[in-house]
Amino acid sequence: MVSSNQSIFLKASKKTNVIDVPGLDTAALKEIKSSVQGTIDIVTLLKAHITKVGIAFKPPISVEPASKTLADSAGLIPQLVSAFIALSNDQEKANKIGVLPLLEARDLVENLLTSCNGLAVELKALSKSENSETSDKDENSSSGSRLVSIGKVWEACDAVIAIPKLQSSKIFAAKAEGFAQMVDDALEDLEGVADNTGSDVDDFFDEDFDDEESEKEDKADDNDGEISPVQEQAKLLHEQLSKVPEFIRDVIIPQVTKNPREVKLHFLLIKALEKLTTSIDNSVVEYFFQETDEEEAKEINEKLIKEIKSLAKLSGLGPEKDAELASLTTDFVEKLKV
């Protein structure tokens, strides 16, 4: 009985394909009046059942009540997946509260399903240990592990129940800060290229690398003192990108805070930031690991500057405009050079 219900958890956690979810049909979707509230109601009940599971599976396990509590919990998984699908397809909610809160809500439900799957794996291991000779130490270890899994499910449930408190502008600020940190990391790598510390990557992995020969080359480089055209481009790009994290933190995030209802703009800005940071990472890789010539380096720089300017323009589209932030944006764009 335990392994049967455990398989329900495992199959339901796939959650992206209706065919893979046992007990789910299209009628179930129509019964959910509100995708958000329907999800919360299901999760509230699931949390209560999971609490009973924790009690019922305390060794020594009584098979009948343990199986019933697990079946009650597992029976809610298809309903939760139904609510998840409705939540993902709720265009009306997306227009009202924004795409970012709905995406965040979807991620929270996915995390809950993953946590349920982890608990199911623990319970399956526990049921096997009950049927074998185990020491007290093994039983205590299994019990402690189960408590951790149940705690994770409780925490995931609480996060889903708090979905109505999600705000598009706050989610944006957290994600934007993450992108700013990614640019900070890319700047460190690009600085290595500009200083020529990353130009001979293959030497780092060369088992026959000759330290003495390297010292001679370093001395020759020191005497030369010339910077290659590609290094010049890397230095120029580093100079331009160094302003981006500050622009995200001091201009874009405050601008979004002043326009909390512009939920479509929030999503567009996040997609633009995601595109920019991906381009920056790819460009640094091209500089660092490939033999980039001067013309290719210029093309890389021009492409990134264009994306940065587009981002700056997009950030000022909100109706609630701030004169100081607008001035900072203008100064930022004017200082960008190709």
C-alpha atoms as a PDB file:
ATOM      1  CA  MET A   1       0.000   0.000   0.000  1.00  0.00           C
ATOM      2  CA  VAL A   2       2.833   2.379   0.855  1.00  0.00           C
ATOM      3  CA  SER A   3       4.709   1.818  -2.384  1.00  0.00           C
ATOM      4  CA  SER A   4       1.493   2.206  -4.412  1.00  0.00           C
ATOM      5  CA  ASN A   5       0.736   5.616  -2.931  1.00  0.00           C
ATOM      6  CA  GLN A   6       4.386   6.571  -3.191  1.00  0.00           C
ATOM      7  CA  SER A   7       4.181   6.011  -6.946  1.00  0.00           C
ATOM      8  CA  ILE A   8       1.259   8.434  -7.075  1.00  0.00           C
ATOM      9  CA  PHE A   9       3.486  11.105  -5.526  1.00  0.00           C
ATOM     10  CA  LEU A  10       6.237  10.350  -8.030  1.00  0.00           C
ATOM     11  CA  LYS A  11       3.960  10.444 -11.074  1.00  0.00           C
ATOM     12  CA  ALA A  12       2.112  13.552  -9.945  1.00  0.00           C
ATOM     13  CA  SER A  13       5.378  15.423  -9.450  1.00  0.00           C
ATOM     14  CA  LYS A  14       5.932  15.370 -13.220  1.00  0.00           C
ATOM     15  CA  LYS A  15       3.137  17.970 -13.351  1.00  0.00           C
ATOM     16  CA  THR A  16       3.769  19.206 -16.883  1.00  0.00           C
ATOM     17  CA  ASN A  17       1.882  16.540 -18.775  1.00  0.00           C
ATOM     18  CA  VAL A  18      -1.782  15.821 -18.048  1.00  0.00           C
ATOM     19  CA  ILE A  19      -1.394  12.239 -19.266  1.00  0.00           C
ATOM     20  CA  ASP A  20       1.172  11.516 -16.549  1.00  0.00           C
ATOM     21  CA  VAL A  21      -1.140  12.579 -13.715  1.00  0.00           C
ATOM     22  CA  PRO A  22      -3.370   9.800 -12.354  1.00  0.00           C
ATOM     23  CA  GLY A  23      -6.998  10.706 -11.720  1.00  0.00           C
ATOM     24  CA  LEU A  24      -6.867  14.001 -13.613  1.00  0.00           C
ATOM     25  CA  ASP A  25      -9.389  14.936 -16.294  1.00  0.00           C
ATOM     26  CA  THR A  26     -10.491  18.150 -17.963  1.00  0.00           C
ATOM     27  CA  ALA A  27     -13.615  18.360 -15.798  1.00  0.00           C
ATOM     28  CA  ALA A  28     -11.435  18.827 -12.735  1.00  0.00           C
ATOM     29  CA  LEU A  29     -10.084  22.066 -14.191  1.00  0.00           C
ATOM     30  CA  LYS A  30     -13.582  23.507 -14.654  1.00  0.00           C
ATOM     31  CA  GLU A  31     -14.459  22.826 -11.013  1.00  0.00           C
ATOM     32  CA  ILE A  32     -11.787  25.238  -9.797  1.00  0.00           C
ATOM     33  CA  LYS A  33     -13.583  28.577  -9.531  1.00  0.00           C
ATOM     34  CA  SER A  34     -10.439  30.519  -8.719  1.00  0.00           C
ATOM     35  CA  SER A  35      -7.066  29.053  -9.584  1.00  0.00           C
ATOM     36  CA  VAL A  36      -5.319  30.918  -6.770  1.00  0.00           C
ATOM     37  CA  GLN A  37      -7.889  30.268  -4.041  1.00  0.00           C
ATOM     38  CA  GLY A  38      -8.413  26.719  -5.271  1.00  0.00           C
ATOM     39  CA  THR A  39      -4.692  26.046  -4.931  1.00  0.00           C
ATOM     40  CA  ILE A  40      -4.605  27.518  -1.419  1.00  0.00           C
ATOM     41  CA  ASP A  41      -7.616  25.460  -0.264  1.00  0.00           C
ATOM     42  CA  ILE A  42      -6.032  22.242  -1.534  1.00  0.00           C
ATOM     43  CA  VAL A  43      -2.658  23.012   0.032  1.00  0.00           C
ATOM     44  CA  THR A  44      -4.212  23.930   3.392  1.00  0.00           C
ATOM     45  CA  LEU A  45      -5.895  20.524   3.483  1.00  0.00           C
ATOM     46  CA  LEU A  46      -2.723  18.809   2.268  1.00  0.00           C
ATOM     47  CA  LYS A  47      -0.720  20.330   5.127  1.00  0.00           C
ATOM     48  CA  ALA A  48      -3.212  18.940   7.649  1.00  0.00           C
ATOM     49  CA  HIS A  49      -2.989  15.457   6.100  1.00  0.00           C
ATOM     50  CA  ILE A  50       0.820  15.563   6.008  1.00  0.00           C
ATOM     51  CA  THR A  51       0.794  16.308   9.752  1.00  0.00           C
ATOM     52  CA  LYS A  52      -1.215  13.110  10.266  1.00  0.00           C
ATOM     53  CA  VAL A  53       1.261  11.215   8.079  1.00  0.00           C
ATOM     54  CA  GLY A  54       4.087  12.272  10.368  1.00  0.00           C
ATOM     55  CA  ILE A  55       2.218  10.912  13.378  1.00  0.00           C
ATOM     56  CA  ALA A  56       1.044   7.689  11.706  1.00  0.00           C
ATOM     57  CA  PHE A  57       4.498   6.743  10.424  1.00  0.00           C
ATOM     58  CA  LYS A  58       6.211   7.020  13.779  1.00  0.00           C
ATOM     59  CA  PRO A  59       7.795   3.585  14.432  1.00  0.00           C
ATOM     60  CA  PRO A  60       6.430   1.060  15.116  1.00  0.00           C
ATOM     61  CA  ILE A  61       4.095   1.653  12.191  1.00  0.00           C
ATOM     62  CA  SER A  62       0.478   0.536  12.365  1.00  0.00           C
ATOM     63  CA  VAL A  63      -0.221  -0.424   8.747  1.00  0.00           C
ATOM     64  CA  GLU A  64      -3.939   0.407   8.462  1.00  0.00           C
ATOM     65  CA  PRO A  65      -3.948   4.008   9.834  1.00  0.00           C
ATOM     66  CA  ALA A  66      -0.608   4.750   8.166  1.00  0.00           C
ATOM     67  CA  SER A  67      -1.918   3.625   4.787  1.00  0.00           C
ATOM     68  CA  LYS A  68      -5.122   5.651   5.211  1.00  0.00           C
ATOM     69  CA  THR A  69      -3.330   8.900   6.059  1.00  0.00           C
ATOM     70  CA  LEU A  70      -0.926   8.440   3.148  1.00  0.00           C
ATOM     71  CA  ALA A  71      -3.815   7.679   0.780  1.00  0.00           C
ATOM     72  CA  ASP A  72      -5.646  10.833   1.926  1.00  0.00           C
ATOM     73  CA  SER A  73      -2.543  12.920   1.247  1.00  0.00           C
ATOM     74  CA  ALA A  74      -1.749  11.264  -2.073  1.00  0.00           C
ATOM     75  CA  GLY A  75      -5.334  11.763  -3.204  1.00  0.00           C
ATOM     76  CA  LEU A  76      -4.845  15.530  -3.061  1.00  0.00           C
ATOM     77  CA  ILE A  77      -1.866  15.513  -5.421  1.00  0.00           C
ATOM     78  CA  PRO A  78      -3.912  15.214  -8.661  1.00  0.00           C
ATOM     79  CA  GLN A  79      -6.128  18.065  -7.442  1.00  0.00           C
ATOM     80  CA  LEU A  80      -3.048  20.148  -6.697  1.00  0.00           C
ATOM     81  CA  VAL A  81      -1.702  19.488 -10.186  1.00  0.00           C
ATOM     82  CA  SER A  82      -5.095  20.499 -11.621  1.00  0.00           C
ATOM     83  CA  ALA A  83      -4.899  23.768  -9.706  1.00  0.00           C
ATOM     84  CA  PHE A  84      -1.307  24.202 -10.863  1.00  0.00           C
ATOM     85  CA  ILE A  85      -2.349  23.896 -14.523  1.00  0.00           C
ATOM     86  CA  ALA A  86      -5.215  26.340 -14.014  1.00  0.00           C
ATOM     87  CA  LEU A  87      -2.816  28.722 -12.257  1.00  0.00           C
ATOM     88  CA  SER A  88      -0.372  28.562 -15.157  1.00  0.00           C
ATOM     89  CA  ASN A  89      -3.117  29.272 -17.713  1.00  0.00           C
ATOM     90  CA  ASP A  90      -4.962  32.011 -15.802  1.00  0.00           C
ATOM     91  CA  GLN A  91      -4.600  34.889 -18.277  1.00  0.00           C
ATOM     92  CA  GLU A  92      -7.111  37.027 -16.370  1.00  0.00           C
ATOM     93  CA  LYS A  93      -5.002  36.831 -13.229  1.00  0.00           C
ATOM     94  CA  ALA A  94      -1.863  37.548 -15.251  1.00  0.00           C
ATOM     95  CA  ASN A  95      -3.385  40.761 -16.573  1.00  0.00           C
ATOM     96  CA  LYS A  96      -4.534  41.792 -13.105  1.00  0.00           C
ATOM     97  CA  ILE A  97      -1.687  40.908 -10.734  1.00  0.00           C
ATOM     98  CA  GLY A  98       1.073  40.442 -13.293  1.00  0.00           C
ATOM     99  CA  VAL A  99       2.977  37.606 -14.894  1.00  0.00           C
ATOM    100  CA  LEU A 100       5.780  37.678 -12.308  1.00  0.00           C
ATOM    101  CA  PRO A 101       3.538  36.771  -9.317  1.00  0.00           C
ATOM    102  CA  LEU A 102       1.948  33.943 -11.303  1.00  0.00           C
ATOM    103  CA  LEU A 103       5.342  32.600 -12.340  1.00  0.00           C
ATOM    104  CA  GLU A 104       6.480  32.807  -8.738  1.00  0.00           C
ATOM    105  CA  ALA A 105       3.295  31.034  -7.597  1.00  0.00           C
ATOM    106  CA  ARG A 106       3.914  28.288 -10.145  1.00  0.00           C
ATOM    107  CA  ASP A 107       7.473  27.849  -8.869  1.00  0.00           C
ATOM    108  CA  LEU A 108       6.159  27.570  -5.291  1.00  0.00           C
ATOM    109  CA  VAL A 109       3.696  24.836  -6.287  1.00  0.00           C
ATOM    110  CA  GLU A 110       6.462  22.994  -8.150  1.00  0.00           C
ATOM    111  CA  ASN A 111       8.614  23.169  -5.016  1.00  0.00           C
ATOM    112  CA  LEU A 112       5.743  21.739  -2.955  1.00  0.00           C
ATOM    113  CA  LEU A 113       5.332  18.816  -5.359  1.00  0.00           C
ATOM    114  CA  THR A 114       9.071  18.165  -5.213  1.00  0.00           C
ATOM    115  CA  SER A 115       8.943  18.232  -1.399  1.00  0.00           C
ATOM    116  CA  CYS A 116       6.056  15.747  -1.404  1.00  0.00           C
ATOM    117  CA  ASN A 117       8.076  13.491  -3.662  1.00  0.00           C
ATOM    118  CA  GLY A 118      11.017  13.691  -1.229  1.00  0.00           C
ATOM    119  CA  LEU A 119       8.741  12.731   1.652  1.00  0.00           C
ATOM    120  CA  ALA A 120       7.394   9.785  -0.331  1.00  0.00           C
ATOM    121  CA  VAL A 121      10.927   8.508  -0.915  1.00  0.00           C
ATOM    122  CA  GLU A 122      11.647   8.770   2.812  1.00  0.00           C
ATOM    123  CA  LEU A 123       8.467   6.906   3.701  1.00  0.00           C
ATOM    124  CA  LYS A 124       9.268   4.151   1.238  1.00  0.00           C
ATOM    125  CA  ALA A 125      12.704   3.739   2.825  1.00  0.00           C
ATOM    126  CA  LEU A 126      11.068   3.692   6.257  1.00  0.00           C
ATOM    127  CA  SER A 127       8.618   0.973   5.227  1.00  0.00           C
ATOM    128  CA  LYS A 128      11.525  -1.175   4.027  1.00  0.00           C
ATOM    129  CA  SER A 129      13.415  -0.683   7.270  1.00  0.00           C
ATOM    130  CA  GLU A 130      10.336  -1.822   9.205  1.00  0.00           C
ATOM    131  CA  ASN A 131      10.466  -5.126   7.348  1.00  0.00           C
ATOM    132  CA  SER A 132      14.161  -5.691   8.024  1.00  0.00           C
ATOM    133  CA  GLU A 133      16.329  -6.000  11.110  1.00  0.00           C
ATOM    134  CA  THR A 134      17.604  -2.539  11.987  1.00  0.00           C
ATOM    135  CA  SER A 135      19.429  -1.148  14.974  1.00  0.00           C
ATOM    136  CA  ASP A 136      17.994   1.581  17.215  1.00  0.00           C
ATOM    137  CA  LYS A 137      20.511   3.945  15.653  1.00  0.00           C
ATOM    138  CA  ASP A 138      19.158   3.259  12.160  1.00  0.00           C
ATOM    139  CA  GLU A 139      15.577   3.779  13.341  1.00  0.00           C
ATOM    140  CA  ASN A 140      16.441   7.112  14.961  1.00  0.00           C
ATOM    141  CA  SER A 141      18.237   8.225  11.800  1.00  0.00           C
ATOM    142  CA  SER A 142      15.269   7.292   9.606  1.00  0.00           C
ATOM    143  CA  SER A 143      12.834   9.032  11.944  1.00  0.00           C
ATOM    144  CA  GLY A 144      14.933  12.198  11.962  1.00  0.00           C
ATOM    145  CA  SER A 145      15.151  12.181   8.178  1.00  0.00           C
ATOM    146  CA  ARG A 146      11.387  11.804   7.937  1.00  0.00           C
ATOM    147  CA  LEU A 147      10.878  14.789  10.234  1.00  0.00           C
ATOM    148  CA  VAL A 148      13.116  16.887   7.974  1.00  0.00           C
ATOM    149  CA  SER A 149      11.091  15.866   4.911  1.00  0.00           C
ATOM    150  CA  ILE A 150       7.803  16.680   6.622  1.00  0.00           C
ATOM    151  CA  GLY A 151       9.224  20.032   7.720  1.00  0.00           C
ATOM    152  CA  LYS A 152      10.116  20.831   4.115  1.00  0.00           C
ATOM    153  CA  VAL A 153       6.567  19.999   3.002  1.00  0.00           C
ATOM    154  CA  TRP A 154       5.117  22.226   5.747  1.00  0.00           C
ATOM    155  CA  GLU A 155       7.404  25.082   4.706  1.00  0.00           C
ATOM    156  CA  ALA A 156       6.471  24.629   1.044  1.00  0.00           C
ATOM    157  CA  CYS A 157       2.767  24.570   1.987  1.00  0.00           C
ATOM    158  CA  ASP A 158       3.090  27.831   3.946  1.00  0.00           C
ATOM    159  CA  ALA A 159       4.777  29.493   0.959  1.00  0.00           C
ATOM    160  CA  VAL A 160       1.924  28.483  -1.358  1.00  0.00           C
ATOM    161  CA  ILE A 161      -0.722  29.624   1.157  1.00  0.00           C
ATOM    162  CA  ALA A 162       0.998  33.050   1.209  1.00  0.00           C
ATOM    163  CA  ILE A 163       0.662  33.461  -2.593  1.00  0.00           C
ATOM    164  CA  PRO A 164      -1.938  36.290  -2.286  1.00  0.00           C
ATOM    165  CA  LYS A 165       0.747  38.393  -0.581  1.00  0.00           C
ATOM    166  CA  LEU A 166       3.012  38.250  -3.645  1.00  0.00           C
ATOM    167  CA  GLN A 167       3.618  41.648  -5.238  1.00  0.00           C
ATOM    168  CA  SER A 168       4.962  42.120  -8.734  1.00  0.00           C
ATOM    169  CA  SER A 169       7.242  45.035  -7.809  1.00  0.00           C
ATOM    170  CA  LYS A 170       8.847  43.154  -4.892  1.00  0.00           C
ATOM    171  CA  ILE A 171       9.427  40.044  -6.989  1.00  0.00           C
ATOM    172  CA  PHE A 172      10.947  42.262  -9.660  1.00  0.00           C
ATOM    173  CA  ALA A 173      13.312  43.915  -7.165  1.00  0.00           C
ATOM    174  CA  ALA A 174      14.589  40.539  -5.917  1.00  0.00           C
ATOM    175  CA  LYS A 175      15.121  39.179  -9.428  1.00  0.00           C
ATOM    176  CA  ALA A 176      16.728  42.400 -10.669  1.00  0.00           C
ATOM    177  CA  GLU A 177      19.196  42.350  -7.769  1.00  0.00           C
ATOM    178  CA  GLY A 178      20.116  38.817  -8.782  1.00  0.00           C
ATOM    179  CA  PHE A 179      20.843  39.985 -12.323  1.00  0.00           C
ATOM    180  CA  ALA A 180      22.944  42.876 -10.979  1.00  0.00           C
ATOM    181  CA  GLN A 181      25.044  40.370  -9.019  1.00  0.00           C
ATOM    182  CA  MET A 182      25.490  38.271 -12.164  1.00  0.00           C
ATOM    183  CA  VAL A 183      26.879  41.336 -13.977  1.00  0.00           C
ATOM    184  CA  ASP A 184      29.225  41.941 -11.024  1.00  0.00           C
ATOM    185  CA  ASP A 185      30.582  38.398 -11.442  1.00  0.00           C
ATOM    186  CA  ALA A 186      30.990  38.840 -15.204  1.00  0.00           C
ATOM    187  CA  LEU A 187      32.939  42.047 -14.599  1.00  0.00           C
ATOM    188  CA  GLU A 188      35.490  40.160 -12.512  1.00  0.00           C
ATOM    189  CA  ASP A 189      36.065  37.678 -15.352  1.00  0.00           C
ATOM    190  CA  LEU A 190      36.263  40.442 -17.950  1.00  0.00           C
ATOM    191  CA  GLU A 191      38.810  42.289 -15.844  1.00  0.00           C
ATOM    192  CA  GLY A 192      41.021  39.208 -16.029  1.00  0.00           C
ATOM    193  CA  VAL A 193      40.870  39.327 -19.827  1.00  0.00           C
ATOM    194  CA  ALA A 194      41.646  43.036 -19.900  1.00  0.00           C
ATOM    195  CA  ASP A 195      44.677  42.451 -17.653  1.00  0.00           C
ATOM    196  CA  ASN A 196      45.741  39.471 -19.782  1.00  0.00           C
ATOM    197  CA  THR A 197      45.402  37.083 -16.803  1.00  0.00           C
ATOM    198  CA  GLY A 198      42.926  34.931 -18.725  1.00  0.00           C
ATOM    199  CA  SER A 199      44.467  34.979 -22.194  1.00  0.00           C
ATOM    200  CA  ASP A 200      46.434  31.743 -21.916  1.00  0.00           C
ATOM    201  CA  VAL A 201      43.745  29.498 -20.488  1.00  0.00           C
ATOM    202  CA  ASP A 202      45.162  26.369 -22.122  1.00  0.00           C
ATOM    203  CA  ASP A 203      48.384  26.798 -20.167  1.00  0.00           C
ATOM    204  CA  PHE A 204      46.463  26.361 -16.923  1.00  0.00           C
ATOM    205  CA  PHE A 205      45.453  22.846 -17.951  1.00  0.00           C
ATOM    206  CA  ASP A 206      48.796  21.922 -19.565  1.00  0.00           C
ATOM    207  CA  GLU A 207      50.482  19.190 -17.511  1.00  0.00           C
ATOM    208  CA  ASP A 208      53.843  19.946 -19.180  1.00  0.00           C
ATOM    209  CA  PHE A 209      53.632  23.624 -18.312  1.00  0.00           C
ATOM    210  CA  ASP A 210      57.160  24.921 -17.751  1.00  0.00           C
ATOM    211  CA  ASP A 211      57.356  27.439 -14.870  1.00  0.00           C
ATOM    212  CA  GLU A 212      60.814  28.573 -15.946  1.00  0.00           C
ATOM    213  CA  GLU A 213      59.644  29.206 -19.500  1.00  0.00           C
ATOM    214  CA  SER A 214      56.618  31.037 -18.150  1.00  0.00           C
ATOM    215  CA  GLU A 215      58.810  33.367 -16.090  1.00  0.00           C
ATOM    216  CA  LYS A 216      60.810  34.233 -19.214  1.00  0.00           C
ATOM    217  CA  GLU A 217      57.624  35.011 -21.113  1.00  0.00           C
ATOM    218  CA  ASP A 218      56.315  37.148 -18.236  1.00  0.00           C
ATOM    219  CA  LYS A 219      59.530  39.159 -18.164  1.00  0.00           C
ATOM    220  CA  ALA A 220      59.326  39.659 -21.906  1.00  0.00           C
ATOM    221  CA  ASP A 221      55.739  40.846 -21.560  1.00  0.00           C
ATOM    222  CA  ASP A 222      56.697  43.245 -18.769  1.00  0.00           C
ATOM    223  CA  ASN A 223      59.435  44.710 -20.910  1.00  0.00           C
ATOM    224  CA  ASP A 224      57.125  45.034 -23.875  1.00  0.00           C
ATOM    225  CA  GLY A 225      54.360  46.857 -21.996  1.00  0.00           C
ATOM    226  CA  GLU A 226      52.065  46.966 -25.021  1.00  0.00           C
ATOM    227  CA  ILE A 227      48.346  46.173 -24.841  1.00  0.00           C
ATOM    228  CA  SER A 228      46.704  44.260 -27.675  1.00  0.00           C
ATOM    229  CA  PRO A 229      43.705  45.742 -29.551  1.00  0.00           C
ATOM    230  CA  VAL A 230      41.470  43.014 -28.096  1.00  0.00           C
ATOM    231  CA  GLN A 231      42.589  43.939 -24.581  1.00  0.00           C
ATOM    232  CA  GLU A 232      41.750  47.545 -25.371  1.00  0.00           C
ATOM    233  CA  GLN A 233      38.232  46.478 -26.358  1.00  0.00           C
ATOM    234  CA  ALA A 234      37.940  44.364 -23.203  1.00  0.00           C
ATOM    235  CA  LYS A 235      38.966  47.347 -21.079  1.00  0.00           C
ATOM    236  CA  LEU A 236      36.438  49.553 -22.872  1.00  0.00           C
ATOM    237  CA  LEU A 237      33.655  47.005 -22.388  1.00  0.00           C
ATOM    238  CA  HIS A 238      34.574  46.583 -18.730  1.00  0.00           C
ATOM    239  CA  GLU A 239      34.324  50.350 -18.300  1.00  0.00           C
ATOM    240  CA  GLN A 240      30.837  50.421 -19.842  1.00  0.00           C
ATOM    241  CA  LEU A 241      29.518  47.377 -17.989  1.00  0.00           C
ATOM    242  CA  SER A 242      30.826  48.618 -14.643  1.00  0.00           C
ATOM    243  CA  LYS A 243      27.976  51.149 -14.658  1.00  0.00           C
ATOM    244  CA  VAL A 244      25.239  48.557 -15.287  1.00  0.00           C
ATOM    245  CA  PRO A 245      24.852  47.039 -11.761  1.00  0.00           C
ATOM    246  CA  GLU A 246      24.615  50.532 -10.278  1.00  0.00           C
ATOM    247  CA  PHE A 247      22.048  51.526 -12.920  1.00  0.00           C
ATOM    248  CA  ILE A 248      19.925  48.458 -12.098  1.00  0.00           C
ATOM    249  CA  ARG A 249      20.045  49.110  -8.352  1.00  0.00           C
ATOM    250  CA  ASP A 250      19.794  52.907  -8.304  1.00  0.00           C
ATOM    251  CA  VAL A 251      17.514  53.589 -11.271  1.00  0.00           C
ATOM    252  CA  ILE A 252      15.587  50.590 -12.603  1.00  0.00           C
ATOM    253  CA  ILE A 253      14.480  49.090  -9.265  1.00  0.00           C
ATOM    254  CA  PRO A 254      13.375  52.485  -7.819  1.00  0.00           C
ATOM    255  CA  GLN A 255      11.553  53.255 -11.090  1.00  0.00           C
ATOM    256  CA  VAL A 256       9.587  50.005 -10.819  1.00  0.00           C
ATOM    257  CA  THR A 257       8.813  50.744  -7.169  1.00  0.00           C
ATOM    258  CA  LYS A 258       7.235  54.014  -8.270  1.00  0.00           C
ATOM    259  CA  ASN A 259       5.111  52.119 -10.829  1.00  0.00           C
ATOM    260  CA  PRO A 260       3.810  49.108  -8.848  1.00  0.00           C
ATOM    261  CA  ARG A 261       0.714  48.711 -11.042  1.00  0.00           C
ATOM    262  CA  GLU A 262       2.632  48.522 -14.322  1.00  0.00           C
ATOM    263  CA  VAL A 263       2.829  44.739 -14.098  1.00  0.00           C
ATOM    264  CA  LYS A 264       3.370  44.209 -17.834  1.00  0.00           C
ATOM    265  CA  LEU A 265       6.342  46.589 -17.748  1.00  0.00           C
ATOM    266  CA  HIS A 266       7.802  44.623 -14.820  1.00  0.00           C
ATOM    267  CA  PHE A 267       7.758  41.439 -16.875  1.00  0.00           C
ATOM    268  CA  LEU A 268       9.231  43.139 -19.958  1.00  0.00           C
ATOM    269  CA  LEU A 269      12.045  44.599 -17.874  1.00  0.00           C
ATOM    270  CA  ILE A 270      12.855  41.229 -16.305  1.00  0.00           C
ATOM    271  CA  LYS A 271      13.006  39.603 -19.750  1.00  0.00           C
ATOM    272  CA  ALA A 272      15.262  42.439 -20.956  1.00  0.00           C
ATOM    273  CA  LEU A 273      17.552  42.010 -17.935  1.00  0.00           C
ATOM    274  CA  GLU A 274      17.654  38.263 -18.481  1.00  0.00           C
ATOM    275  CA  LYS A 275      18.580  38.760 -22.147  1.00  0.00           C
ATOM    276  CA  LEU A 276      21.266  41.311 -21.276  1.00  0.00           C
ATOM    277  CA  THR A 277      22.937  39.201 -18.583  1.00  0.00           C
ATOM    278  CA  THR A 278      22.928  36.165 -20.888  1.00  0.00           C
ATOM    279  CA  SER A 279      24.573  38.243 -23.632  1.00  0.00           C
ATOM    280  CA  ILE A 280      27.159  39.551 -21.162  1.00  0.00           C
ATOM    281  CA  ASP A 281      28.034  36.045 -19.978  1.00  0.00           C
ATOM    282  CA  ASN A 282      28.330  34.780 -23.560  1.00  0.00           C
ATOM    283  CA  SER A 283      30.503  37.753 -24.511  1.00  0.00           C
ATOM    284  CA  VAL A 284      32.878  37.192 -21.603  1.00  0.00           C
ATOM    285  CA  VAL A 285      33.195  33.546 -22.632  1.00  0.00           C
ATOM    286  CA  GLU A 286      34.033  34.623 -26.183  1.00  0.00           C
ATOM    287  CA  TYR A 287      36.700  36.981 -24.872  1.00  0.00           C
ATOM    288  CA  PHE A 288      38.110  34.500 -22.396  1.00  0.00           C
ATOM    289  CA  PHE A 289      38.150  31.164 -24.188  1.00  0.00           C
ATOM    290  CA  GLN A 290      38.295  32.033 -27.875  1.00  0.00           C
ATOM    291  CA  GLU A 291      40.765  33.803 -30.104  1.00  0.00           C
ATOM    292  CA  THR A 292      38.709  36.950 -30.622  1.00  0.00           C
ATOM    293  CA  ASP A 293      40.162  39.455 -33.057  1.00  0.00           C
ATOM    294  CA  GLU A 294      39.711  43.216 -32.844  1.00  0.00           C
ATOM    295  CA  GLU A 295      36.762  43.399 -35.242  1.00  0.00           C
ATOM    296  CA  GLU A 296      34.887  40.625 -33.440  1.00  0.00           C
ATOM    297  CA  ALA A 297      35.551  42.337 -30.110  1.00  0.00           C
ATOM    298  CA  LYS A 298      34.096  45.577 -31.461  1.00  0.00           C
ATOM    299  CA  GLU A 299      30.994  43.734 -32.670  1.00  0.00           C
ATOM    300  CA  ILE A 300      30.549  42.187 -29.207  1.00  0.00           C
ATOM    301  CA  ASN A 301      30.807  45.600 -27.571  1.00  0.00           C
ATOM    302  CA  GLU A 302      28.414  47.271 -30.017  1.00  0.00           C
ATOM    303  CA  LYS A 303      25.798  44.560 -29.487  1.00  0.00           C
ATOM    304  CA  LEU A 304      25.946  44.857 -25.696  1.00  0.00           C
ATOM    305  CA  ILE A 305      25.826  48.664 -25.699  1.00  0.00           C
ATOM    306  CA  LYS A 306      22.744  48.483 -27.923  1.00  0.00           C
ATOM    307  CA  GLU A 307      21.018  46.094 -25.491  1.00  0.00           C
ATOM    308  CA  ILE A 308      21.938  48.299 -22.523  1.00  0.00           C
ATOM    309  CA  LYS A 309      20.474  51.377 -24.233  1.00  0.00           C
ATOM    310  CA  SER A 310      17.265  49.458 -25.028  1.00  0.00           C
ATOM    311  CA  LEU A 311      17.003  48.461 -21.373  1.00  0.00           C
ATOM    312  CA  ALA A 312      17.497  52.078 -20.265  1.00  0.00           C
ATOM    313  CA  LYS A 313      14.769  53.241 -22.658  1.00  0.00           C
ATOM    314  CA  LEU A 314      12.357  50.547 -21.484  1.00  0.00           C
ATOM    315  CA  SER A 315      12.909  51.423 -17.817  1.00  0.00           C
ATOM    316  CA  GLY A 316      11.504  54.933 -18.361  1.00  0.00           C
ATOM    317  CA  LEU A 317       8.176  53.880 -19.895  1.00  0.00           C
ATOM    318  CA  GLY A 318       6.149  53.914 -16.651  1.00  0.00           C
ATOM    319  CA  PRO A 319       3.533  56.696 -16.262  1.00  0.00           C
ATOM    320  CA  GLU A 320       4.867  57.758 -12.843  1.00  0.00           C
ATOM    321  CA  LYS A 321       8.079  59.403 -13.969  1.00  0.00           C
ATOM    322  CA  ASP A 322      10.687  60.696 -11.534  1.00  0.00           C
ATOM    323  CA  ALA A 323      12.760  63.661 -12.699  1.00  0.00           C
ATOM    324  CA  GLU A 324      15.853  62.590 -10.792  1.00  0.00           C
ATOM    325  CA  LEU A 325      15.713  59.015 -12.096  1.00  0.00           C
ATOM    326  CA  ALA A 326      15.100  60.299 -15.626  1.00  0.00           C
ATOM    327  CA  SER A 327      18.162  62.520 -15.325  1.00  0.00           C
ATOM    328  CA  LEU A 328      20.267  59.583 -14.073  1.00  0.00           C
ATOM    329  CA  THR A 329      19.083  57.498 -17.030  1.00  0.00           C
ATOM    330  CA  THR A 330      20.026  60.237 -19.492  1.00  0.00           C
ATOM    331  CA  ASP A 331      23.489  60.606 -17.948  1.00  0.00           C
ATOM    332  CA  PHE A 332      23.982  56.830 -17.996  1.00  0.00           C
ATOM    333  CA  VAL A 333      23.098  56.513 -21.682  1.00  0.00           C
ATOM    334  CA  GLU A 334      25.167  59.519 -22.744  1.00  0.00           C
ATOM    335  CA  LYS A 335      28.291  58.043 -21.121  1.00  0.00           C
ATOM    336  CA  LEU A 336      27.963  54.772 -23.025  1.00  0.00           C
ATOM    337  CA  LYS A 337      30.571  54.551 -25.772  1.00  0.00           C
ATOM    338  CA  VAL A 338      31.186  52.033 -28.526  1.00  0.00           C
END
